[in-house]
Amino acid sequence: MSKTTKKYYTVWHGHQPGVYESWTECQLQIKNFPGAQYKSFSSRVRAETAFEGIYEDYITTSKRPKTPPAPQSSYFSNPPNLHSIAVDAASSGNPGVVEYRGVDTQTKKVLFHKGPFQMGTNNVGEFLAIVHGLAFLTKQQSDRVLYTDSKTAMGWVNKKKCNTKLKQTQKNAPLFELIRRAEIWLQTQTYSTEVKKWDTKAWGEIPADFGRK
């Protein structure tokens, strides 16, 4: 007899949004709720990370509006801009211990590294990594591109607000202080750096990846 894989359910839009450990609990949140948004994941960490993001980033291709197929992409036909830096974050648990860093995309030389911080999330780390990278490049008056593999963090940066659902506690107070400073920086500074999404499917893991997947 094959072993049943445990699933976790993220409900973005329902009677009570959150992460649930059974389909029965999930059903209670979406039943008779027009426009409910939900999806299953193979681990709690993935489900909780998704909950901090938006439903549109996680729906399958079949549920998206139909568009003409894009041409096949590869590292050689559409390579990344190596005149750039790449940023990434890693968390052990969600919430858990978080750290982030920025590296030279071509050489993978570490340009900055912060953490570990207690009781954070991967999305928060990704957000802080982008803002740190923007400040780093602005200070250097560099015209390099900044790559991230997080759509959620890019959205938060564009809105100049870390829209995390993480609750502040005594343990993660230093992390929330960094969030506050990052938001102030975004709201008061002008930058010309282009923030671009790293194409993981075509190029492999982002150079700043911590290798813990």
Protein backbone atom coordinates (compact mmCIF):
# COMPACT_ATOMS: atom_id res chain seq x y z
CA MET A 1 0.00 0.00 0.00
CA SER A 2 1.41 3.39 -1.00
CA LYS A 3 1.84 6.01 1.68
CA THR A 4 -0.46 9.04 1.37
CA THR A 5 1.44 12.31 1.05
CA LYS A 6 0.53 14.88 3.68
CA LYS A 7 -0.85 18.09 2.22
CA TYR A 8 -1.29 21.60 3.58
CA TYR A 9 -3.87 24.04 2.28
CA THR A 10 -3.41 27.78 1.84
CA VAL A 11 -6.59 29.87 1.78
CA TRP A 12 -5.96 33.41 0.56
CA HIS A 13 -9.61 34.36 0.17
CA GLY A 14 -12.22 32.61 2.27
CA HIS A 15 -14.23 32.80 5.50
CA GLN A 16 -10.99 32.69 7.53
CA PRO A 17 -7.78 32.97 5.44
CA GLY A 18 -4.82 30.95 6.67
CA VAL A 19 -2.98 27.64 6.37
CA TYR A 20 -4.85 24.41 7.17
CA GLU A 21 -3.65 20.85 7.67
CA SER A 22 -6.63 19.01 6.21
CA TRP A 23 -8.95 19.26 3.24
CA THR A 24 -11.92 19.19 5.64
CA GLU A 25 -10.69 22.34 7.40
CA CYS A 26 -9.99 23.99 4.07
CA GLN A 27 -13.47 23.18 2.77
CA LEU A 28 -15.05 24.92 5.75
CA GLN A 29 -13.27 28.14 4.74
CA ILE A 30 -14.19 28.07 1.05
CA LYS A 31 -17.67 26.50 1.04
CA ASN A 32 -20.35 29.02 0.02
CA PHE A 33 -17.67 31.71 -0.32
CA PRO A 34 -17.82 33.33 -3.80
CA GLY A 35 -14.42 33.72 -5.45
CA ALA A 36 -12.56 31.63 -2.87
CA GLN A 37 -8.80 31.36 -3.49
CA TYR A 38 -6.96 28.29 -2.22
CA LYS A 39 -4.27 25.76 -3.14
CA SER A 40 -2.61 22.67 -1.66
CA PHE A 41 1.12 22.33 -0.96
CA SER A 42 3.37 19.44 0.00
CA SER A 43 4.86 21.14 3.07
CA ARG A 44 3.79 23.63 5.73
CA VAL A 45 6.75 25.90 4.90
CA ARG A 46 5.65 26.17 1.27
CA ALA A 47 2.03 26.77 2.28
CA GLU A 48 2.95 29.50 4.76
CA THR A 49 5.35 31.15 2.31
CA ALA A 50 2.58 31.17 -0.30
CA PHE A 51 0.13 32.67 2.20
CA GLU A 52 2.36 35.74 2.47
CA GLY A 53 2.21 36.12 -1.30
CA ILE A 54 -0.71 36.37 -3.68
CA TYR A 55 -2.88 33.65 -5.22
CA GLU A 56 -2.03 34.67 -8.80
CA ASP A 57 1.62 33.69 -8.29
CA TYR A 58 0.67 30.10 -7.45
CA ILE A 59 -2.23 29.15 -9.72
CA THR A 60 -1.49 26.58 -12.40
CA THR A 61 -1.02 27.50 -16.04
CA SER A 62 -4.34 25.87 -16.92
CA LYS A 63 -6.19 28.33 -14.68
CA ARG A 64 -4.49 31.41 -16.10
CA PRO A 65 -5.97 33.36 -19.04
CA LYS A 66 -4.84 31.79 -22.30
CA THR A 67 -1.96 33.62 -24.00
CA PRO A 68 0.16 32.72 -27.02
CA PRO A 69 2.99 30.34 -26.05
CA ALA A 70 6.29 32.08 -25.37
CA PRO A 71 9.36 31.02 -27.34
CA GLN A 72 11.54 28.38 -25.66
CA SER A 73 13.98 30.12 -23.32
CA SER A 74 17.43 28.90 -22.41
CA TYR A 75 20.55 30.24 -20.74
CA PHE A 76 22.27 30.59 -24.13
CA SER A 77 19.47 32.16 -26.18
CA ASN A 78 18.36 34.53 -23.41
CA PRO A 79 21.20 34.79 -20.86
CA PRO A 80 21.05 36.88 -17.68
CA ASN A 81 22.79 40.25 -17.58
CA LEU A 82 26.06 39.48 -15.80
CA HIS A 83 26.62 43.16 -15.07
CA SER A 84 24.43 42.66 -12.04
CA ILE A 85 24.07 41.46 -8.49
CA ALA A 86 21.77 38.71 -7.25
CA VAL A 87 20.06 38.54 -3.87
CA ASP A 88 18.35 35.72 -2.00
CA ALA A 89 17.20 34.67 1.46
CA ALA A 90 16.86 31.41 3.36
CA SER A 91 14.75 30.44 6.36
CA SER A 92 14.85 27.40 8.60
CA GLY A 93 11.15 27.12 9.39
CA ASN A 94 8.47 29.65 8.59
CA PRO A 95 8.66 31.52 10.85
CA GLY A 96 12.20 30.54 11.72
CA VAL A 97 15.82 31.61 11.50
CA VAL A 98 16.32 33.88 8.48
CA GLU A 99 19.35 35.28 6.69
CA TYR A 100 19.92 36.99 3.37
CA ARG A 101 22.78 37.97 1.09
CA GLY A 102 23.78 39.65 -2.15
CA VAL A 103 26.45 38.37 -4.53
CA ASP A 104 28.11 39.31 -7.78
CA THR A 105 26.09 37.40 -10.38
CA GLN A 106 29.10 36.34 -12.44
CA THR A 107 31.69 35.54 -9.76
CA LYS A 108 29.32 34.73 -6.85
CA LYS A 109 31.51 36.88 -4.61
CA VAL A 110 29.49 37.80 -1.50
CA LEU A 111 28.88 41.56 -1.41
CA PHE A 112 26.79 41.63 1.77
CA HIS A 113 25.29 39.15 4.21
CA LYS A 114 22.91 39.72 7.11
CA GLY A 115 21.57 37.38 9.75
CA PRO A 116 20.69 35.06 11.22
CA PHE A 117 17.53 36.67 12.60
CA GLN A 118 15.04 34.88 14.82
CA MET A 119 11.38 34.23 13.96
CA GLY A 120 11.32 35.57 10.41
CA THR A 121 10.01 34.37 7.07
CA ASN A 122 11.62 33.76 3.70
CA ASN A 123 9.56 36.51 2.07
CA VAL A 124 10.67 39.05 4.67
CA GLY A 125 14.27 38.03 4.05
CA GLU A 126 13.80 38.41 0.28
CA PHE A 127 12.30 41.88 0.76
CA LEU A 128 15.17 43.04 2.98
CA ALA A 129 17.70 41.56 0.53
CA ILE A 130 16.29 43.60 -2.36
CA VAL A 131 16.23 46.84 -0.38
CA HIS A 132 19.74 46.24 0.93
CA GLY A 133 20.86 45.61 -2.64
CA LEU A 134 19.21 48.79 -3.88
CA ALA A 135 20.89 50.83 -1.13
CA PHE A 136 24.22 49.12 -1.85
CA LEU A 137 24.12 49.91 -5.57
CA THR A 138 22.78 53.43 -5.04
CA LYS A 139 25.60 54.24 -2.64
CA GLN A 140 28.11 53.00 -5.22
CA GLN A 141 26.32 54.92 -8.00
CA SER A 142 26.36 51.64 -9.89
CA ASP A 143 24.32 50.96 -13.03
CA ARG A 144 24.20 47.22 -12.39
CA VAL A 145 20.91 45.29 -12.53
CA LEU A 146 19.56 43.57 -9.41
CA TYR A 147 18.13 40.05 -9.72
CA THR A 148 15.73 38.35 -7.29
CA ASP A 149 13.74 35.13 -7.63
CA SER A 150 10.84 36.38 -5.45
CA LYS A 151 7.78 37.89 -7.16
CA THR A 152 6.24 38.55 -3.76
CA ALA A 153 9.21 40.57 -2.50
CA MET A 154 9.37 42.51 -5.79
CA GLY A 155 5.72 43.44 -5.30
CA TRP A 156 6.36 44.63 -1.75
CA VAL A 157 9.31 46.75 -2.89
CA ASN A 158 7.23 48.31 -5.67
CA LYS A 159 4.58 49.23 -3.10
CA LYS A 160 7.29 50.41 -0.64
CA LYS A 161 5.68 48.27 2.04
CA CYS A 162 6.60 44.89 3.56
CA ASN A 163 3.13 43.37 3.52
CA THR A 164 4.00 40.43 5.77
CA LYS A 165 1.47 38.65 7.98
CA LEU A 166 4.25 37.86 10.44
CA LYS A 167 3.48 39.00 14.00
CA GLN A 168 6.07 41.05 15.87
CA THR A 169 7.43 39.50 19.05
CA GLN A 170 10.33 40.19 21.37
CA LYS A 171 12.41 37.61 19.49
CA ASN A 172 11.98 39.18 16.06
CA ALA A 173 12.02 42.82 17.15
CA PRO A 174 15.46 43.38 15.47
CA LEU A 175 14.02 42.05 12.21
CA PHE A 176 11.04 44.40 12.40
CA GLU A 177 13.42 47.29 13.02
CA LEU A 178 15.16 46.41 9.75
CA ILE A 179 11.78 46.25 8.01
CA ARG A 180 10.91 49.71 9.34
CA ARG A 181 14.23 51.13 8.15
CA ALA A 182 13.85 49.47 4.74
CA GLU A 183 10.36 50.93 4.25
CA ILE A 184 11.61 54.40 5.22
CA TRP A 185 14.47 54.06 2.74
CA LEU A 186 12.10 53.12 -0.08
CA GLN A 187 9.77 56.01 0.76
CA THR A 188 12.47 58.66 1.00
CA GLN A 189 15.14 57.65 -1.51
CA THR A 190 15.29 57.72 -5.29
CA TYR A 191 17.02 54.91 -7.14
CA SER A 192 17.57 54.01 -10.79
CA THR A 193 18.45 50.32 -10.33
CA GLU A 194 16.38 47.93 -12.43
CA VAL A 195 15.03 45.06 -10.35
CA LYS A 196 14.46 41.97 -12.50
CA LYS A 197 13.05 38.50 -11.90
CA TRP A 198 15.63 35.72 -12.12
CA ASP A 199 14.51 33.07 -14.63
CA THR A 200 15.10 29.96 -12.51
CA LYS A 201 13.61 27.62 -15.11
CA ALA A 202 16.04 28.76 -17.80
CA TRP A 203 19.11 29.71 -15.75
CA GLY A 204 19.02 27.43 -12.72
CA GLU A 205 19.12 28.57 -9.11
CA ILE A 206 19.91 32.22 -8.50
CA PRO A 207 23.65 32.70 -7.71
CA ALA A 208 22.84 34.03 -4.21
CA ASP A 209 20.94 30.82 -3.35
CA PHE A 210 21.91 29.24 -0.02
CA GLY A 211 21.53 25.70 -1.39
CA ARG A 212 19.07 24.48 1.24
CA LYS A 213 16.10 23.44 -0.91
